[in-house]
Amino acid sequence: MKSVLASALLISTTMSASVFAAETDMNSLVEAAKKEGAVYSVGMPDSWANWKDTWADLKANYGLEHQDTDMSSAQEIAKFAAEKKNATADIGDVGFAFANVAVKKGVTQPYKPSTWSEIPEWAKDKEGHWALAYTGSIAFISNNNLVENPPKSWSDLLNGDYKVSLGDVGSAAQANNAVLAAAFANGGDETNLQPAIEFFAKLAQKGSLSLTDPSAANIEKGEVEVAVLWDFNALNNRDKFGRDRFSVNIPQDGSVISGYTTIINKFAKNPNAAKLAREFIFSDKGQVNLAAGYARPIRTNVELPQAVQDKLLPNEQYQNVHPVKDFAAWEKSARKLPRQWQENVLIHVK
């Protein structure tokens, strides 16, 4: 690993656990994190983007114990805000549209990892409150035992006779971005989600919109015919449950490429452990860990092992994916989604 983290292990310093380490002093940060001894996360479960390898590495290299409580982006921010100085979480992972929401609510603290200059400007907060560690694109995963012709486009979804699961639209970043992807495919964008709302209303009216949670457990049990997920989640499920059983496709008439960012709780009980976790996530090894979980690393100069590259979809599937260009507009649109979804889509679910 090219990061200074490796050499930091060789140097021992003494520091009170209550003292915050200087961001420029990596050795002090490591020692302070070791004294805290644990990092508690939300929305960063083992199965999501291969977080398990990162937690295992933090345990092996620095002795950090770890525990996660899985929840949506909105729930993470609400938890930070509600608990304040009684914080039970140190770090979370939220969708791009929720990053500035967290900052505005005053529940984050900044930390710029040593690889900060290698993170694109569009993918980070100038003060260091957030930075995307990995990107994903919205994809379809189909159960081949239940779906004869796996969909390859949004129009296929509308014309097919299978049930489609999205998840908790309005709360979960993955589900919100599924709506945004459908908007791109149907003439809309982050400023105009109406084409997507109309699309899903039609899907609901014909009885093809399922309210079954597209969790890994439900997908494995065969309770989901087609799910709309981030590609890294879809590919993980495909390989875990069998490539013969499941197909994964990026919708060819339009999708969205976005990402997730860590947010460090302003009131964290283990702030140095949280900062060290972010440091490791953006290191070479941390970025490879994410790629091994089918997430595309934000640092494009990191060399991926061939076995990791083979897990990903071919580049040609990504010819019609759209990045979010107007972040403020997308944040505004995402805030309106819960009510729009309830009033225009869920009322038609059969």
Protein backbone atom coordinates (compact mmCIF):
# COMPACT_ATOMS: atom_id res chain seq x y z
CA MET A 1 0.00 0.00 0.00
CA LYS A 2 1.44 3.35 -1.02
CA SER A 3 -0.25 5.18 1.84
CA VAL A 4 1.72 6.38 4.83
CA LEU A 5 -0.57 4.19 6.90
CA ALA A 6 1.78 1.22 6.54
CA SER A 7 4.77 3.02 7.99
CA ALA A 8 2.62 4.58 10.69
CA LEU A 9 2.33 1.20 12.36
CA LEU A 10 6.07 1.20 13.08
CA ILE A 11 5.99 4.34 15.18
CA SER A 12 4.48 4.51 18.64
CA THR A 13 3.52 7.73 20.39
CA THR A 14 1.72 8.41 23.64
CA MET A 15 -1.45 10.46 23.55
CA SER A 16 -4.53 10.81 25.70
CA ALA A 17 -7.57 9.18 24.11
CA SER A 18 -9.54 12.35 24.77
CA VAL A 19 -7.21 14.46 22.66
CA PHE A 20 -8.09 14.81 18.98
CA ALA A 21 -5.19 13.95 16.71
CA ALA A 22 -3.97 16.58 14.28
CA GLU A 23 -5.07 15.68 10.76
CA THR A 24 -1.56 16.16 9.43
CA ASP A 25 0.00 13.86 12.02
CA MET A 26 -0.75 10.34 10.84
CA ASN A 27 1.23 8.65 13.59
CA SER A 28 -0.70 10.48 16.28
CA LEU A 29 -3.97 9.66 14.54
CA VAL A 30 -3.14 5.95 14.51
CA GLU A 31 -2.18 5.96 18.19
CA ALA A 32 -5.26 7.95 19.20
CA ALA A 33 -7.50 5.57 17.21
CA LYS A 34 -5.83 2.56 18.85
CA LYS A 35 -6.55 4.01 22.28
CA GLU A 36 -10.22 4.42 21.37
CA GLY A 37 -10.11 0.82 20.22
CA ALA A 38 -13.37 0.65 18.29
CA VAL A 39 -15.40 2.25 15.53
CA TYR A 40 -19.18 2.06 15.34
CA SER A 41 -20.78 2.56 11.95
CA VAL A 42 -24.26 2.89 10.49
CA GLY A 43 -25.24 1.92 6.96
CA MET A 44 -21.96 0.08 6.36
CA PRO A 45 -22.84 -3.62 6.71
CA ASP A 46 -20.45 -6.41 5.72
CA SER A 47 -22.42 -7.29 2.59
CA TRP A 48 -22.53 -3.74 1.17
CA ALA A 49 -19.60 -2.91 -1.16
CA ASN A 50 -17.44 -5.45 0.69
CA TRP A 51 -17.16 -3.36 3.86
CA LYS A 52 -16.35 -6.58 5.72
CA ASP A 53 -12.78 -6.62 4.34
CA THR A 54 -12.18 -3.04 5.41
CA TRP A 55 -13.43 -3.73 8.94
CA ALA A 56 -11.27 -6.87 9.04
CA ASP A 57 -8.21 -4.88 7.90
CA LEU A 58 -8.82 -2.16 10.49
CA LYS A 59 -9.02 -4.88 13.14
CA ALA A 60 -5.88 -6.67 11.92
CA ASN A 61 -3.77 -3.55 11.41
CA TYR A 62 -4.94 -1.31 14.25
CA GLY A 63 -6.91 -3.52 16.63
CA LEU A 64 -10.17 -1.63 16.03
CA GLU A 65 -13.30 -3.51 17.03
CA HIS A 66 -16.32 -2.81 14.85
CA GLN A 67 -20.08 -2.98 14.92
CA ASP A 68 -22.60 -1.78 12.34
CA THR A 69 -26.30 -1.00 12.38
CA ASP A 70 -27.72 -1.04 8.88
CA MET A 71 -30.06 1.82 8.00
CA SER A 72 -30.91 4.19 5.18
CA SER A 73 -29.14 7.47 4.47
CA ALA A 74 -31.98 9.54 5.92
CA GLN A 75 -32.09 7.38 9.05
CA GLU A 76 -28.33 7.76 9.57
CA ILE A 77 -28.52 11.56 9.53
CA ALA A 78 -31.58 11.54 11.78
CA LYS A 79 -29.74 9.30 14.25
CA PHE A 80 -26.72 11.62 14.40
CA ALA A 81 -29.02 14.61 14.95
CA ALA A 82 -31.20 12.94 17.57
CA GLU A 83 -28.46 11.43 19.72
CA LYS A 84 -26.03 14.36 19.63
CA LYS A 85 -23.59 14.00 22.56
CA ASN A 86 -25.11 10.63 23.42
CA ALA A 87 -23.82 9.32 20.10
CA THR A 88 -23.73 5.56 19.54
CA ALA A 89 -22.33 5.86 15.99
CA ASP A 90 -19.02 7.29 14.81
CA ILE A 91 -19.26 7.07 11.03
CA GLY A 92 -21.88 6.45 8.35
CA ASP A 93 -22.15 5.97 4.61
CA VAL A 94 -24.80 8.03 2.81
CA GLY A 95 -25.85 8.59 -0.77
CA PHE A 96 -24.54 11.60 -2.66
CA ALA A 97 -27.82 13.49 -2.41
CA PHE A 98 -27.72 13.26 1.39
CA ALA A 99 -24.16 14.55 1.87
CA ASN A 100 -24.95 18.24 2.02
CA VAL A 101 -28.12 17.52 4.00
CA ALA A 102 -25.93 16.11 6.76
CA VAL A 103 -23.60 19.11 6.64
CA LYS A 104 -26.49 21.58 6.80
CA LYS A 105 -27.91 19.78 9.82
CA GLY A 106 -24.58 20.28 11.58
CA VAL A 107 -23.97 16.62 12.39
CA THR A 108 -20.64 16.10 10.58
CA GLN A 109 -16.99 16.88 11.25
CA PRO A 110 -14.32 17.28 8.55
CA TYR A 111 -11.36 15.06 7.82
CA LYS A 112 -9.29 15.04 4.64
CA PRO A 113 -7.41 11.78 4.05
CA SER A 114 -3.83 11.87 2.79
CA THR A 115 -5.04 10.89 -0.72
CA TRP A 116 -7.33 13.94 -0.86
CA SER A 117 -5.71 15.40 -3.99
CA GLU A 118 -6.55 12.22 -5.95
CA ILE A 119 -10.28 12.57 -5.32
CA PRO A 120 -12.06 14.50 -8.12
CA GLU A 121 -13.30 17.95 -7.14
CA TRP A 122 -16.91 17.06 -7.95
CA ALA A 123 -16.74 14.14 -5.53
CA LYS A 124 -15.70 15.96 -2.34
CA ASP A 125 -16.63 18.77 0.00
CA LYS A 126 -14.01 21.52 -0.02
CA GLU A 127 -13.94 21.56 3.79
CA GLY A 128 -13.59 17.79 4.06
CA HIS A 129 -17.00 17.00 5.53
CA TRP A 130 -17.63 14.35 2.87
CA ALA A 131 -16.02 12.64 -0.11
CA LEU A 132 -17.28 9.87 -2.34
CA ALA A 133 -15.25 6.70 -1.84
CA TYR A 134 -16.86 4.73 -4.65
CA THR A 135 -19.35 5.04 -7.46
CA GLY A 136 -22.17 2.83 -8.62
CA SER A 137 -24.68 2.77 -11.45
CA ILE A 138 -28.30 1.69 -11.23
CA ALA A 139 -28.79 -1.82 -12.60
CA PHE A 140 -31.42 -4.55 -12.91
CA ILE A 141 -30.98 -7.96 -11.31
CA SER A 142 -33.35 -10.63 -12.59
CA ASN A 143 -34.16 -14.07 -11.22
CA ASN A 144 -33.70 -16.31 -14.25
CA ASN A 145 -35.98 -18.95 -12.73
CA LEU A 146 -38.85 -16.46 -12.61
CA VAL A 147 -38.08 -14.18 -15.58
CA GLU A 148 -37.80 -15.65 -19.06
CA ASN A 149 -36.29 -12.57 -20.74
CA PRO A 150 -34.28 -10.45 -18.27
CA PRO A 151 -34.93 -6.74 -18.90
CA LYS A 152 -32.17 -4.65 -20.42
CA SER A 153 -34.03 -1.34 -20.49
CA TRP A 154 -36.72 0.59 -18.67
CA SER A 155 -39.05 0.03 -21.61
CA ASP A 156 -38.53 -3.71 -21.10
CA LEU A 157 -39.73 -3.28 -17.52
CA LEU A 158 -42.90 -1.54 -18.64
CA ASN A 159 -43.62 -4.06 -21.38
CA GLY A 160 -42.74 -7.15 -19.36
CA ASP A 161 -45.05 -9.21 -17.18
CA TYR A 162 -42.88 -9.46 -14.09
CA LYS A 163 -42.89 -7.74 -10.70
CA VAL A 164 -40.31 -5.01 -10.08
CA SER A 165 -38.94 -4.11 -6.63
CA LEU A 166 -37.24 -0.78 -5.79
CA GLY A 167 -37.14 -0.47 -2.03
CA ASP A 168 -37.91 2.52 0.15
CA VAL A 169 -38.24 5.45 -2.26
CA GLY A 170 -37.86 8.76 -0.45
CA SER A 171 -35.63 7.37 2.28
CA ALA A 172 -33.02 5.07 0.77
CA ALA A 173 -30.45 6.62 -1.58
CA GLN A 174 -30.42 3.49 -3.75
CA ALA A 175 -34.17 3.67 -4.34
CA ASN A 176 -34.05 7.42 -4.97
CA ASN A 177 -31.35 6.96 -7.58
CA ALA A 178 -33.42 4.24 -9.23
CA VAL A 179 -36.08 6.91 -9.76
CA LEU A 180 -33.46 9.33 -11.09
CA ALA A 181 -32.17 6.68 -13.52
CA ALA A 182 -35.68 6.17 -14.84
CA ALA A 183 -35.99 9.95 -15.23
CA PHE A 184 -32.83 10.09 -17.37
CA ALA A 185 -34.16 7.24 -19.52
CA ASN A 186 -37.50 8.97 -20.07
CA GLY A 187 -36.43 12.51 -20.86
CA GLY A 188 -36.04 13.91 -17.35
CA ASP A 189 -33.06 14.70 -15.14
CA GLU A 190 -32.19 15.69 -11.59
CA THR A 191 -34.27 18.86 -11.95
CA ASN A 192 -37.30 17.01 -13.35
CA LEU A 193 -38.35 13.63 -11.97
CA GLN A 194 -41.87 13.81 -13.40
CA PRO A 195 -41.15 11.41 -16.31
CA ALA A 196 -39.99 8.82 -13.78
CA ILE A 197 -43.00 9.36 -11.52
CA GLU A 198 -45.27 8.83 -14.51
CA PHE A 199 -43.30 5.75 -15.53
CA PHE A 200 -43.63 4.09 -12.13
CA ALA A 201 -47.29 5.09 -11.88
CA LYS A 202 -47.89 3.14 -15.11
CA LEU A 203 -45.91 0.22 -13.73
CA ALA A 204 -48.05 0.26 -10.57
CA GLN A 205 -51.30 0.57 -12.51
CA LYS A 206 -50.54 -2.59 -14.48
CA GLY A 207 -49.74 -4.46 -11.28
CA SER A 208 -46.00 -4.75 -11.94
CA LEU A 209 -44.64 -2.68 -9.05
CA SER A 210 -43.81 -4.84 -6.03
CA LEU A 211 -43.46 -3.52 -2.48
CA THR A 212 -41.26 -6.46 -1.49
CA ASP A 213 -37.98 -5.22 -0.06
CA PRO A 214 -35.21 -6.11 -2.56
CA SER A 215 -32.92 -7.28 0.25
CA ALA A 216 -30.32 -9.96 -0.35
CA ALA A 217 -32.35 -12.39 1.77
CA ASN A 218 -35.53 -11.83 -0.27
CA ILE A 219 -33.63 -12.08 -3.54
CA GLU A 220 -32.04 -15.37 -2.48
CA LYS A 221 -35.40 -16.79 -1.36
CA GLY A 222 -36.90 -16.10 -4.77
CA GLU A 223 -39.34 -13.48 -3.51
CA VAL A 224 -38.07 -10.87 -5.98
CA GLU A 225 -38.44 -11.25 -9.74
CA VAL A 226 -36.60 -8.08 -10.82
CA ALA A 227 -34.92 -5.60 -8.49
CA VAL A 228 -33.48 -2.19 -9.26
CA LEU A 229 -30.21 -1.89 -7.36
CA TRP A 230 -26.78 -0.35 -7.51
CA ASP A 231 -24.62 -2.48 -9.77
CA PHE A 232 -22.31 -3.38 -6.89
CA ASN A 233 -25.20 -4.81 -4.87
CA ALA A 234 -26.69 -6.59 -7.88
CA LEU A 235 -23.37 -8.16 -8.88
CA ASN A 236 -22.65 -9.21 -5.33
CA ASN A 237 -26.01 -10.98 -5.14
CA ARG A 238 -25.45 -12.58 -8.54
CA ASP A 239 -22.13 -14.10 -7.56
CA LYS A 240 -23.26 -15.05 -4.06
CA PHE A 241 -26.43 -16.82 -5.15
CA GLY A 242 -25.33 -18.12 -8.54
CA ARG A 243 -24.61 -16.64 -11.97
CA ASP A 244 -26.90 -19.28 -13.47
CA ARG A 245 -29.79 -18.06 -11.30
CA PHE A 246 -29.39 -14.32 -11.75
CA SER A 247 -28.68 -11.85 -14.55
CA VAL A 248 -27.46 -8.27 -14.10
CA ASN A 249 -27.85 -5.53 -16.71
CA ILE A 250 -27.39 -1.77 -16.82
CA PRO A 251 -30.53 -0.29 -18.44
CA GLN A 252 -29.42 0.65 -21.90
CA ASP A 253 -31.93 3.47 -22.40
CA GLY A 254 -30.44 5.38 -19.48
CA SER A 255 -29.07 5.06 -15.97
CA VAL A 256 -27.36 7.19 -13.35
CA ILE A 257 -23.85 6.97 -11.98
CA SER A 258 -23.47 8.32 -8.49
CA GLY A 259 -21.79 7.32 -5.29
CA TYR A 260 -21.68 7.09 -1.54
CA THR A 261 -19.75 9.15 0.97
CA THR A 262 -18.66 8.57 4.51
CA ILE A 263 -19.81 11.11 7.07
CA ILE A 264 -18.06 11.33 10.43
CA ASN A 265 -20.40 12.09 13.31
CA LYS A 266 -19.69 15.49 14.84
CA PHE A 267 -20.47 13.96 18.24
CA ALA A 268 -18.57 10.68 17.71
CA LYS A 269 -17.26 8.95 20.84
CA ASN A 270 -14.42 7.53 18.74
CA PRO A 271 -13.58 10.40 16.37
CA ASN A 272 -10.01 9.33 15.70
CA ALA A 273 -11.04 5.78 14.87
CA ALA A 274 -13.61 7.20 12.48
CA LYS A 275 -10.97 9.41 10.83
CA LEU A 276 -8.58 6.48 10.56
CA ALA A 277 -11.37 4.43 8.98
CA ARG A 278 -11.86 7.15 6.35
CA GLU A 279 -8.09 7.32 5.81
CA PHE A 280 -7.99 3.58 5.17
CA ILE A 281 -11.07 3.62 2.92
CA PHE A 282 -9.28 6.05 0.58
CA SER A 283 -5.96 4.17 0.67
CA ASP A 284 -4.98 1.78 -2.14
CA LYS A 285 -6.01 -1.25 -0.09
CA GLY A 286 -9.28 0.33 0.96
CA GLN A 287 -10.14 1.18 -2.63
CA VAL A 288 -9.34 -2.37 -3.78
CA ASN A 289 -11.56 -3.70 -0.99
CA LEU A 290 -14.48 -1.69 -2.36
CA ALA A 291 -13.81 -2.88 -5.90
CA ALA A 292 -13.78 -6.47 -4.63
CA GLY A 293 -17.32 -5.68 -3.51
CA TYR A 294 -18.21 -4.59 -7.08
CA ALA A 295 -18.05 -0.86 -6.30
CA ARG A 296 -15.97 1.28 -8.66
CA PRO A 297 -13.25 3.15 -6.68
CA ILE A 298 -13.22 6.93 -6.84
CA ARG A 299 -9.41 6.93 -7.12
CA THR A 300 -8.99 5.78 -10.71
CA ASN A 301 -5.19 5.48 -10.43
CA VAL A 302 -5.45 2.46 -8.13
CA GLU A 303 -4.44 -0.75 -9.92
CA LEU A 304 -7.02 -3.50 -9.46
CA PRO A 305 -6.06 -7.19 -9.42
CA GLN A 306 -7.35 -9.10 -12.46
CA ALA A 307 -9.59 -11.25 -10.28
CA VAL A 308 -11.28 -8.08 -9.01
CA GLN A 309 -11.64 -6.62 -12.50
CA ASP A 310 -13.36 -9.85 -13.61
CA LYS A 311 -16.16 -9.28 -11.10
CA LEU A 312 -17.32 -6.10 -12.80
CA LEU A 313 -19.58 -5.62 -15.81
CA PRO A 314 -17.94 -4.77 -19.16
CA ASN A 315 -17.43 -1.08 -19.85
CA GLU A 316 -19.73 -1.13 -22.88
CA GLN A 317 -22.72 -1.59 -20.57
CA TYR A 318 -22.03 1.89 -19.20
CA GLN A 319 -22.32 3.89 -22.42
CA ASN A 320 -25.58 5.57 -21.40
CA VAL A 321 -25.06 6.33 -17.71
CA HIS A 322 -25.47 9.93 -16.55
CA PRO A 323 -23.71 11.66 -13.65
CA VAL A 324 -25.59 14.13 -11.51
CA LYS A 325 -24.59 17.59 -12.75
CA ASP A 326 -26.83 19.83 -10.67
CA PHE A 327 -26.33 18.63 -7.10
CA ALA A 328 -28.47 21.34 -5.51
CA ALA A 329 -31.36 20.50 -7.82
CA TRP A 330 -31.03 16.78 -7.12
CA GLU A 331 -31.01 17.42 -3.38
CA LYS A 332 -34.17 19.49 -3.75
CA SER A 333 -35.85 16.85 -5.92
CA ALA A 334 -34.92 14.07 -3.50
CA ARG A 335 -36.57 15.94 -0.62
CA LYS A 336 -39.84 16.05 -2.56
CA LEU A 337 -39.78 12.38 -3.50
CA PRO A 338 -41.51 10.86 -0.45
CA ARG A 339 -44.70 12.82 -0.98
CA GLN A 340 -44.60 12.50 -4.78
CA TRP A 341 -44.16 8.75 -4.52
CA GLN A 342 -46.98 8.38 -2.02
CA GLU A 343 -49.43 10.54 -3.90
CA ASN A 344 -48.69 9.52 -7.48
CA VAL A 345 -47.30 5.98 -7.41
CA LEU A 346 -48.20 4.04 -4.27
CA ILE A 347 -51.90 4.82 -4.62
CA HIS A 348 -51.88 2.68 -7.78
CA VAL A 349 -50.11 -0.36 -6.32
CA LYS A 350 -52.29 -3.45 -6.67
